Every structure is written in structure tokens, then in C-alpha cells.
Amino acid sequence: MKKLKIIIPAILLLIAIGLLSAYFIYGSTLVDITSDKSISNALATDPKQPITIIKTAKNGKYFGIMYSDPSDNDETCYHFSSMTKAKLYKNKYHNLGISSTAYVIENNDDEEDKLTNDTLNDIDENTKTVESFLYTFEGDTIKDKKCSVFECNNTGVAFDENTEEKEVTEKMQKLADSYKKIDEFDLPNEKFYIFPEVYELSKNANAICFEVGSVSVDEMKSRTMQQAKGIIKDLKEEKQ
């Protein structure tokens, strides 16, 4: 009985030590967002050449980082990466290994191309909340300082070379009719910025889109149907 009394606490102690070891070992593989070095080690192409962190932002359980990497050897190249918070750890995040790359193009007048939106959560039939990062690497060149936000239903809006003209028109008309303006805000006159955005959807699995300028629902509908004409034209050319 005395041996049993000694063995049980010893086993429990070993289990506790094992759990603590696993906790700290696993924690060491995560990214500490309070440490520039930890962030750089996770994102740099070459660990010997640290990245330059330009902007960061939090959005719920997500963390966004805008940065440049000296390994690119290109001053016009920038990157954006997002991470997900690890449970049970303060300031520790999972590096998802997904980064977007953009090149700043001189004399680019297409303002829409300069503003990027990354949807963070998976949108499915049970999703009624959209979390995203809206960001840019050349915000000071965006002339219109307004941004309009729309909710829409783009389910099934996909086409291939076999799609008929009627189907394109019907699907794009359905998309056009689904637009609902839910927000409008001012964009800062800065080169780099990140907006952490969260929107509640009126219907599950709907999508969110951002448009530069103070855009009305009627304008969005008109743009969508013009886009439909372009899609039909491209499909006709492919079939020839």
C-alpha cells in the first residue's frame, strides 16, 4: 500500500511534467506577435535576411502583417500575411503559410487594383459573419478617398467555355439583384494601411465586396451587367 501511495503521485508528476513539456515545446513552434524576430523567422524567405514589418493589425483571432522581404531584391515588391491565434497561449499565433504578394506599379490608374481584401474565415452555409483585412501598399495614389461595402450572393457565379450566353446573363442578373450596400467609410491619405473589418451578413454564405468610391447599388448593378457583356464576349472569342 505504501508503494502504491508513492507510485501514483510519481506517475501523476511525470504526466504533469510531460504535459508541461509538450505545452512549451509546441509553444516554441508558434509565432510570438510581440517579437519582430519571431515574426521575421516565420515569414522571411531567408532567415539571415530579416523582413521589414510595415504595418500590423488584429481582427478577432486573426493577425495581419504587411512587410517587405530583402530576399526579393525588388523595392516595389510587398507582402501581406495573416495568422490565427493559438488556443491556451497569450500572443502566440499559427503561421498559416499563406502570403499574398503585390508589386507597386508606377502610373497605375486602376484604383480597384490597389485595394485588396482578404476574407479570413471560411464562408459556408452556416456563416453569417465575415471577418477580413482590407489593405493596400499604395493608398496615397488612390484619388477617391471613399470606400463602399456591399453584401451580395455570388453563389454559382462561375463560367467555363461551355457556358451559354443565357446562363451568363441570368447568373449575373441574379448577382446584380442581390447587392445591398452595408457600409461606406473614408480611406486615409497614406501609402500603407490595414483595415480589420467585421460584417454581419443578412443571409448565410453571402459575400462581401469593397469598391473604391461612393458607389450606389444601382451603379453596382450596372457594372455587373457590363461585366456580363464582357464575359459573353470572351466566351464567344474562345469558341471561335
C-alpha atoms as a PDB file:
ATOM      1  CA  MET A   1       0.000   0.000   0.000  1.00  0.00           C
ATOM      2  CA  LYS A   2       2.876   2.361   0.843  1.00  0.00           C
ATOM      3  CA  LYS A   3       4.481   1.627  -2.535  1.00  0.00           C
ATOM      4  CA  LEU A   4       1.169   2.370  -4.262  1.00  0.00           C
ATOM      5  CA  LYS A   5       0.901   5.688  -2.430  1.00  0.00           C
ATOM      6  CA  ILE A   6       4.360   6.610  -3.732  1.00  0.00           C
ATOM      7  CA  ILE A   7       3.882   5.306  -7.278  1.00  0.00           C
ATOM      8  CA  ILE A   8       0.592   7.133  -8.000  1.00  0.00           C
ATOM      9  CA  PRO A   9       1.903  10.654  -7.180  1.00  0.00           C
ATOM     10  CA  ALA A  10       5.086   9.854  -9.121  1.00  0.00           C
ATOM     11  CA  ILE A  11       3.048   8.863 -12.194  1.00  0.00           C
ATOM     12  CA  LEU A  12       0.902  11.973 -11.888  1.00  0.00           C
ATOM     13  CA  LEU A  13       4.041  14.100 -11.584  1.00  0.00           C
ATOM     14  CA  LEU A  14       5.527  12.510 -14.709  1.00  0.00           C
ATOM     15  CA  ILE A  15       2.282  13.129 -16.591  1.00  0.00           C
ATOM     16  CA  ALA A  16       2.253  16.767 -15.460  1.00  0.00           C
ATOM     17  CA  ILE A  17       5.902  17.212 -16.497  1.00  0.00           C
ATOM     18  CA  GLY A  18       5.127  15.617 -19.866  1.00  0.00           C
ATOM     19  CA  LEU A  19       2.150  17.911 -20.449  1.00  0.00           C
ATOM     20  CA  LEU A  20       4.144  20.985 -19.458  1.00  0.00           C
ATOM     21  CA  SER A  21       6.994  19.951 -21.733  1.00  0.00           C
ATOM     22  CA  ALA A  22       4.598  19.414 -24.620  1.00  0.00           C
ATOM     23  CA  TYR A  23       2.994  22.798 -23.899  1.00  0.00           C
ATOM     24  CA  PHE A  24       6.294  24.683 -24.013  1.00  0.00           C
ATOM     25  CA  ILE A  25       7.709  22.708 -26.958  1.00  0.00           C
ATOM     26  CA  TYR A  26       4.583  23.317 -29.022  1.00  0.00           C
ATOM     27  CA  GLY A  27       4.541  26.955 -27.939  1.00  0.00           C
ATOM     28  CA  SER A  28       8.072  27.393 -29.244  1.00  0.00           C
ATOM     29  CA  THR A  29       6.850  26.488 -32.754  1.00  0.00           C
ATOM     30  CA  LEU A  30       4.292  29.315 -32.735  1.00  0.00           C
ATOM     31  CA  VAL A  31       4.800  32.938 -33.717  1.00  0.00           C
ATOM     32  CA  ASP A  32       5.109  35.475 -30.896  1.00  0.00           C
ATOM     33  CA  ILE A  33       3.490  38.608 -32.353  1.00  0.00           C
ATOM     34  CA  THR A  34       5.154  40.791 -29.703  1.00  0.00           C
ATOM     35  CA  SER A  35       8.564  39.842 -31.139  1.00  0.00           C
ATOM     36  CA  ASP A  36       9.698  41.207 -34.523  1.00  0.00           C
ATOM     37  CA  LYS A  37      12.327  38.476 -34.605  1.00  0.00           C
ATOM     38  CA  SER A  38       9.747  35.723 -34.136  1.00  0.00           C
ATOM     39  CA  ILE A  39       7.565  37.199 -36.896  1.00  0.00           C
ATOM     40  CA  SER A  40      10.549  37.532 -39.212  1.00  0.00           C
ATOM     41  CA  ASN A  41      11.695  33.962 -38.560  1.00  0.00           C
ATOM     42  CA  ALA A  42       8.245  32.740 -39.579  1.00  0.00           C
ATOM     43  CA  LEU A  43       7.883  34.837 -42.735  1.00  0.00           C
ATOM     44  CA  ALA A  44      11.355  35.608 -44.115  1.00  0.00           C
ATOM     45  CA  THR A  45      12.415  33.710 -47.214  1.00  0.00           C
ATOM     46  CA  ASP A  46      15.981  33.720 -45.869  1.00  0.00           C
ATOM     47  CA  PRO A  47      16.195  33.720 -42.036  1.00  0.00           C
ATOM     48  CA  LYS A  48      19.541  35.515 -42.334  1.00  0.00           C
ATOM     49  CA  GLN A  49      17.779  38.460 -44.001  1.00  0.00           C
ATOM     50  CA  PRO A  50      15.049  39.739 -41.638  1.00  0.00           C
ATOM     51  CA  ILE A  51      11.887  41.180 -43.106  1.00  0.00           C
ATOM     52  CA  THR A  52      10.854  44.808 -42.612  1.00  0.00           C
ATOM     53  CA  ILE A  53       7.474  44.959 -40.845  1.00  0.00           C
ATOM     54  CA  ILE A  54       5.462  47.890 -42.214  1.00  0.00           C
ATOM     55  CA  LYS A  55       2.043  47.557 -40.580  1.00  0.00           C
ATOM     56  CA  THR A  56       0.211  45.081 -38.347  1.00  0.00           C
ATOM     57  CA  ALA A  57      -3.431  44.751 -37.266  1.00  0.00           C
ATOM     58  CA  LYS A  58      -5.593  42.425 -35.202  1.00  0.00           C
ATOM     59  CA  ASN A  59      -9.054  41.209 -36.146  1.00  0.00           C
ATOM     60  CA  GLY A  60     -10.541  38.893 -33.532  1.00  0.00           C
ATOM     61  CA  LYS A  61      -8.441  35.725 -33.567  1.00  0.00           C
ATOM     62  CA  TYR A  62      -6.509  36.881 -36.646  1.00  0.00           C
ATOM     63  CA  PHE A  63      -3.318  38.924 -37.003  1.00  0.00           C
ATOM     64  CA  GLY A  64      -2.284  40.635 -40.238  1.00  0.00           C
ATOM     65  CA  ILE A  65       1.256  41.657 -41.189  1.00  0.00           C
ATOM     66  CA  MET A  66       2.304  43.885 -44.067  1.00  0.00           C
ATOM     67  CA  TYR A  67       6.019  43.619 -44.846  1.00  0.00           C
ATOM     68  CA  SER A  68       8.846  43.725 -47.359  1.00  0.00           C
ATOM     69  CA  ASP A  69      11.457  40.974 -47.773  1.00  0.00           C
ATOM     70  CA  PRO A  70      15.052  41.849 -48.759  1.00  0.00           C
ATOM     71  CA  SER A  71      15.329  38.448 -50.469  1.00  0.00           C
ATOM     72  CA  ASP A  72      13.039  39.797 -53.216  1.00  0.00           C
ATOM     73  CA  ASN A  73      15.730  42.261 -54.324  1.00  0.00           C
ATOM     74  CA  ASP A  74      12.857  44.443 -55.516  1.00  0.00           C
ATOM     75  CA  GLU A  75      11.839  47.698 -53.820  1.00  0.00           C
ATOM     76  CA  THR A  76       8.413  47.594 -55.495  1.00  0.00           C
ATOM     77  CA  CYS A  77       7.523  44.187 -54.008  1.00  0.00           C
ATOM     78  CA  TYR A  78       5.461  43.870 -50.819  1.00  0.00           C
ATOM     79  CA  HIS A  79       3.773  41.031 -48.936  1.00  0.00           C
ATOM     80  CA  PHE A  80       0.766  40.525 -46.670  1.00  0.00           C
ATOM     81  CA  SER A  81       0.274  37.538 -44.400  1.00  0.00           C
ATOM     82  CA  SER A  82      -2.348  36.618 -41.806  1.00  0.00           C
ATOM     83  CA  MET A  83      -2.086  34.296 -38.807  1.00  0.00           C
ATOM     84  CA  THR A  84      -4.571  32.604 -36.464  1.00  0.00           C
ATOM     85  CA  LYS A  85      -4.365  32.821 -32.678  1.00  0.00           C
ATOM     86  CA  ALA A  86      -3.316  29.660 -30.885  1.00  0.00           C
ATOM     87  CA  LYS A  87      -5.506  28.481 -28.022  1.00  0.00           C
ATOM     88  CA  LEU A  88      -4.035  28.493 -24.480  1.00  0.00           C
ATOM     89  CA  TYR A  89      -1.175  30.827 -25.488  1.00  0.00           C
ATOM     90  CA  LYS A  90      -1.015  34.586 -24.995  1.00  0.00           C
ATOM     91  CA  ASN A  91       0.223  36.498 -28.059  1.00  0.00           C
ATOM     92  CA  LYS A  92       1.091  33.243 -29.873  1.00  0.00           C
ATOM     93  CA  TYR A  93      -0.219  32.599 -33.385  1.00  0.00           C
ATOM     94  CA  HIS A  94      -0.205  29.878 -36.034  1.00  0.00           C
ATOM     95  CA  ASN A  95       1.596  30.827 -39.226  1.00  0.00           C
ATOM     96  CA  LEU A  96      -0.771  29.540 -41.923  1.00  0.00           C
ATOM     97  CA  GLY A  97       1.958  29.771 -44.548  1.00  0.00           C
ATOM     98  CA  ILE A  98      -0.247  31.827 -46.861  1.00  0.00           C
ATOM     99  CA  SER A  99       1.062  35.188 -48.039  1.00  0.00           C
ATOM    100  CA  SER A 100      -0.025  37.452 -50.884  1.00  0.00           C
ATOM    101  CA  THR A 101       2.477  39.401 -52.963  1.00  0.00           C
ATOM    102  CA  ALA A 102       1.946  42.699 -54.745  1.00  0.00           C
ATOM    103  CA  TYR A 103       4.098  44.904 -56.939  1.00  0.00           C
ATOM    104  CA  VAL A 104       3.594  48.643 -56.842  1.00  0.00           C
ATOM    105  CA  ILE A 105       3.241  49.756 -60.467  1.00  0.00           C
ATOM    106  CA  GLU A 106       4.044  53.358 -61.383  1.00  0.00           C
ATOM    107  CA  ASN A 107       1.348  55.280 -63.260  1.00  0.00           C
ATOM    108  CA  ASN A 108      -1.295  52.684 -62.409  1.00  0.00           C
ATOM    109  CA  ASP A 109      -4.666  54.448 -62.660  1.00  0.00           C
ATOM    110  CA  ASP A 110      -6.794  51.421 -61.749  1.00  0.00           C
ATOM    111  CA  GLU A 111      -7.775  52.289 -58.176  1.00  0.00           C
ATOM    112  CA  GLU A 112      -9.612  48.991 -57.667  1.00  0.00           C
ATOM    113  CA  ASP A 113      -6.384  47.032 -58.180  1.00  0.00           C
ATOM    114  CA  LYS A 114      -4.701  48.946 -55.381  1.00  0.00           C
ATOM    115  CA  LEU A 115      -7.153  47.914 -52.661  1.00  0.00           C
ATOM    116  CA  THR A 116      -7.089  44.267 -51.571  1.00  0.00           C
ATOM    117  CA  ASN A 117      -9.488  42.331 -49.355  1.00  0.00           C
ATOM    118  CA  ASP A 118      -8.560  39.042 -47.691  1.00  0.00           C
ATOM    119  CA  THR A 119     -11.505  37.088 -46.234  1.00  0.00           C
ATOM    120  CA  LEU A 120     -10.225  35.354 -43.112  1.00  0.00           C
ATOM    121  CA  ASN A 121     -12.971  32.942 -42.114  1.00  0.00           C
ATOM    122  CA  ASP A 122     -14.453  30.182 -44.254  1.00  0.00           C
ATOM    123  CA  ILE A 123     -17.758  31.248 -45.800  1.00  0.00           C
ATOM    124  CA  ASP A 124     -20.259  28.385 -45.896  1.00  0.00           C
ATOM    125  CA  GLU A 125     -23.964  27.755 -45.413  1.00  0.00           C
ATOM    126  CA  ASN A 126     -23.605  28.311 -41.640  1.00  0.00           C
ATOM    127  CA  THR A 127     -21.591  31.544 -41.801  1.00  0.00           C
ATOM    128  CA  LYS A 128     -23.271  34.865 -41.030  1.00  0.00           C
ATOM    129  CA  THR A 129     -20.160  36.842 -40.086  1.00  0.00           C
ATOM    130  CA  VAL A 130     -17.385  37.949 -42.439  1.00  0.00           C
ATOM    131  CA  GLU A 131     -14.006  38.838 -40.969  1.00  0.00           C
ATOM    132  CA  SER A 132     -11.481  40.379 -43.314  1.00  0.00           C
ATOM    133  CA  PHE A 133      -8.411  42.564 -43.728  1.00  0.00           C
ATOM    134  CA  LEU A 134      -8.713  45.393 -46.245  1.00  0.00           C
ATOM    135  CA  TYR A 135      -5.258  46.688 -47.102  1.00  0.00           C
ATOM    136  CA  THR A 136      -3.127  48.489 -49.668  1.00  0.00           C
ATOM    137  CA  PHE A 137       0.522  49.133 -50.480  1.00  0.00           C
ATOM    138  CA  GLU A 138      -0.181  52.311 -52.454  1.00  0.00           C
ATOM    139  CA  GLY A 139      -3.017  54.053 -50.688  1.00  0.00           C
ATOM    140  CA  ASP A 140      -1.619  57.520 -51.300  1.00  0.00           C
ATOM    141  CA  THR A 141      -2.212  57.068 -55.038  1.00  0.00           C
ATOM    142  CA  ILE A 142      -5.909  56.238 -54.608  1.00  0.00           C
ATOM    143  CA  LYS A 143      -7.586  59.501 -55.606  1.00  0.00           C
ATOM    144  CA  ASP A 144     -11.090  58.731 -54.357  1.00  0.00           C
ATOM    145  CA  LYS A 145     -10.927  58.547 -50.566  1.00  0.00           C
ATOM    146  CA  LYS A 146     -14.283  56.825 -50.124  1.00  0.00           C
ATOM    147  CA  CYS A 147     -14.835  53.076 -49.889  1.00  0.00           C
ATOM    148  CA  SER A 148     -18.226  51.393 -50.338  1.00  0.00           C
ATOM    149  CA  VAL A 149     -19.052  47.966 -48.919  1.00  0.00           C
ATOM    150  CA  PHE A 150     -21.662  45.642 -50.396  1.00  0.00           C
ATOM    151  CA  GLU A 151     -23.161  42.329 -49.393  1.00  0.00           C
ATOM    152  CA  CYS A 152     -24.116  40.018 -52.247  1.00  0.00           C
ATOM    153  CA  ASN A 153     -24.911  36.444 -53.179  1.00  0.00           C
ATOM    154  CA  ASN A 154     -22.322  35.214 -55.696  1.00  0.00           C
ATOM    155  CA  THR A 155     -23.108  31.518 -55.254  1.00  0.00           C
ATOM    156  CA  GLY A 156     -22.713  29.657 -58.531  1.00  0.00           C
ATOM    157  CA  VAL A 157     -21.285  32.631 -60.439  1.00  0.00           C
ATOM    158  CA  ALA A 158     -18.643  30.647 -62.318  1.00  0.00           C
ATOM    159  CA  PHE A 159     -18.278  30.068 -66.037  1.00  0.00           C
ATOM    160  CA  ASP A 160     -16.320  27.899 -68.469  1.00  0.00           C
ATOM    161  CA  GLU A 161     -16.032  27.612 -72.247  1.00  0.00           C
ATOM    162  CA  ASN A 162     -19.275  25.596 -72.411  1.00  0.00           C
ATOM    163  CA  THR A 163     -21.413  28.188 -70.623  1.00  0.00           C
ATOM    164  CA  GLU A 164     -24.221  29.539 -72.760  1.00  0.00           C
ATOM    165  CA  GLU A 165     -24.888  33.272 -73.147  1.00  0.00           C
ATOM    166  CA  LYS A 166     -28.301  32.979 -71.496  1.00  0.00           C
ATOM    167  CA  GLU A 167     -26.819  31.316 -68.403  1.00  0.00           C
ATOM    168  CA  VAL A 168     -24.204  34.066 -68.041  1.00  0.00           C
ATOM    169  CA  THR A 169     -26.872  36.762 -68.265  1.00  0.00           C
ATOM    170  CA  GLU A 170     -29.172  35.018 -65.764  1.00  0.00           C
ATOM    171  CA  LYS A 171     -26.435  34.388 -63.189  1.00  0.00           C
ATOM    172  CA  MET A 172     -25.018  37.894 -63.444  1.00  0.00           C
ATOM    173  CA  GLN A 173     -28.514  39.384 -63.215  1.00  0.00           C
ATOM    174  CA  LYS A 174     -29.109  37.363 -60.050  1.00  0.00           C
ATOM    175  CA  LEU A 175     -25.818  38.670 -58.651  1.00  0.00           C
ATOM    176  CA  ALA A 176     -26.729  42.255 -59.604  1.00  0.00           C
ATOM    177  CA  ASP A 177     -30.118  41.972 -57.905  1.00  0.00           C
ATOM    178  CA  SER A 178     -28.543  40.681 -54.685  1.00  0.00           C
ATOM    179  CA  TYR A 179     -26.362  43.748 -53.966  1.00  0.00           C
ATOM    180  CA  LYS A 180     -27.041  45.505 -50.684  1.00  0.00           C
ATOM    181  CA  LYS A 181     -24.925  48.446 -49.525  1.00  0.00           C
ATOM    182  CA  ILE A 182     -23.963  47.986 -45.885  1.00  0.00           C
ATOM    183  CA  ASP A 183     -21.190  50.499 -45.233  1.00  0.00           C
ATOM    184  CA  GLU A 184     -19.201  53.454 -46.529  1.00  0.00           C
ATOM    185  CA  PHE A 185     -16.079  54.941 -44.939  1.00  0.00           C
ATOM    186  CA  ASP A 186     -13.140  57.241 -45.628  1.00  0.00           C
ATOM    187  CA  LEU A 187      -9.752  55.942 -46.737  1.00  0.00           C
ATOM    188  CA  PRO A 188      -6.678  57.629 -45.228  1.00  0.00           C
ATOM    189  CA  ASN A 189      -4.183  59.521 -47.364  1.00  0.00           C
ATOM    190  CA  GLU A 190      -1.348  57.136 -46.502  1.00  0.00           C
ATOM    191  CA  LYS A 191       0.735  54.760 -48.574  1.00  0.00           C
ATOM    192  CA  PHE A 192       0.264  51.712 -46.337  1.00  0.00           C
ATOM    193  CA  TYR A 193      -2.754  50.823 -44.239  1.00  0.00           C
ATOM    194  CA  ILE A 194      -4.781  47.867 -42.987  1.00  0.00           C
ATOM    195  CA  PHE A 195      -8.457  47.930 -42.038  1.00  0.00           C
ATOM    196  CA  PRO A 196      -9.620  44.996 -39.878  1.00  0.00           C
ATOM    197  CA  GLU A 197     -13.285  44.648 -40.826  1.00  0.00           C
ATOM    198  CA  VAL A 198     -16.120  42.520 -39.399  1.00  0.00           C
ATOM    199  CA  TYR A 199     -19.560  42.444 -41.011  1.00  0.00           C
ATOM    200  CA  GLU A 200     -22.749  40.599 -40.099  1.00  0.00           C
ATOM    201  CA  LEU A 201     -24.461  39.064 -43.127  1.00  0.00           C
ATOM    202  CA  SER A 202     -28.220  39.164 -43.684  1.00  0.00           C
ATOM    203  CA  LYS A 203     -28.068  35.668 -45.190  1.00  0.00           C
ATOM    204  CA  ASN A 204     -25.747  32.736 -44.593  1.00  0.00           C
ATOM    205  CA  ALA A 205     -22.935  32.224 -47.114  1.00  0.00           C
ATOM    206  CA  ASN A 206     -23.321  35.647 -48.702  1.00  0.00           C
ATOM    207  CA  ALA A 207     -20.170  37.509 -49.725  1.00  0.00           C
ATOM    208  CA  ILE A 208     -18.711  40.957 -49.086  1.00  0.00           C
ATOM    209  CA  CYS A 209     -17.111  43.207 -51.697  1.00  0.00           C
ATOM    210  CA  PHE A 210     -15.315  46.537 -51.368  1.00  0.00           C
ATOM    211  CA  GLU A 211     -15.460  49.245 -54.038  1.00  0.00           C
ATOM    212  CA  VAL A 212     -13.368  52.401 -54.223  1.00  0.00           C
ATOM    213  CA  GLY A 213     -15.577  55.486 -54.197  1.00  0.00           C
ATOM    214  CA  SER A 214     -19.062  56.361 -53.016  1.00  0.00           C
ATOM    215  CA  VAL A 215     -20.835  53.743 -55.149  1.00  0.00           C
ATOM    216  CA  SER A 216     -24.604  53.204 -55.190  1.00  0.00           C
ATOM    217  CA  VAL A 217     -26.463  49.913 -55.532  1.00  0.00           C
ATOM    218  CA  ASP A 218     -27.683  50.947 -58.993  1.00  0.00           C
ATOM    219  CA  GLU A 219     -24.081  51.593 -60.066  1.00  0.00           C
ATOM    220  CA  MET A 220     -23.050  48.142 -58.830  1.00  0.00           C
ATOM    221  CA  LYS A 221     -25.902  46.550 -60.767  1.00  0.00           C
ATOM    222  CA  SER A 222     -24.890  48.424 -63.918  1.00  0.00           C
ATOM    223  CA  ARG A 223     -21.219  47.435 -63.515  1.00  0.00           C
ATOM    224  CA  THR A 224     -22.198  43.802 -63.029  1.00  0.00           C
ATOM    225  CA  MET A 225     -24.277  43.672 -66.204  1.00  0.00           C
ATOM    226  CA  GLN A 226     -21.482  45.396 -68.130  1.00  0.00           C
ATOM    227  CA  GLN A 227     -19.172  42.724 -66.784  1.00  0.00           C
ATOM    228  CA  ALA A 228     -21.626  40.100 -68.042  1.00  0.00           C
ATOM    229  CA  LYS A 229     -21.298  41.521 -71.576  1.00  0.00           C
ATOM    230  CA  GLY A 230     -17.507  41.244 -71.289  1.00  0.00           C
ATOM    231  CA  ILE A 231     -17.737  37.627 -70.124  1.00  0.00           C
ATOM    232  CA  ILE A 232     -20.042  36.751 -73.038  1.00  0.00           C
ATOM    233  CA  LYS A 233     -17.657  38.415 -75.483  1.00  0.00           C
ATOM    234  CA  ASP A 234     -14.686  36.473 -74.092  1.00  0.00           C
ATOM    235  CA  LEU A 235     -16.599  33.174 -74.270  1.00  0.00           C
ATOM    236  CA  LYS A 236     -17.540  33.814 -77.894  1.00  0.00           C
ATOM    237  CA  GLU A 237     -13.915  34.508 -78.793  1.00  0.00           C
ATOM    238  CA  GLU A 238     -12.813  31.279 -77.086  1.00  0.00           C
ATOM    239  CA  LYS A 239     -15.335  29.256 -79.078  1.00  0.00           C
ATOM    240  CA  GLN A 240     -14.170  30.653 -82.413  1.00  0.00           C
END
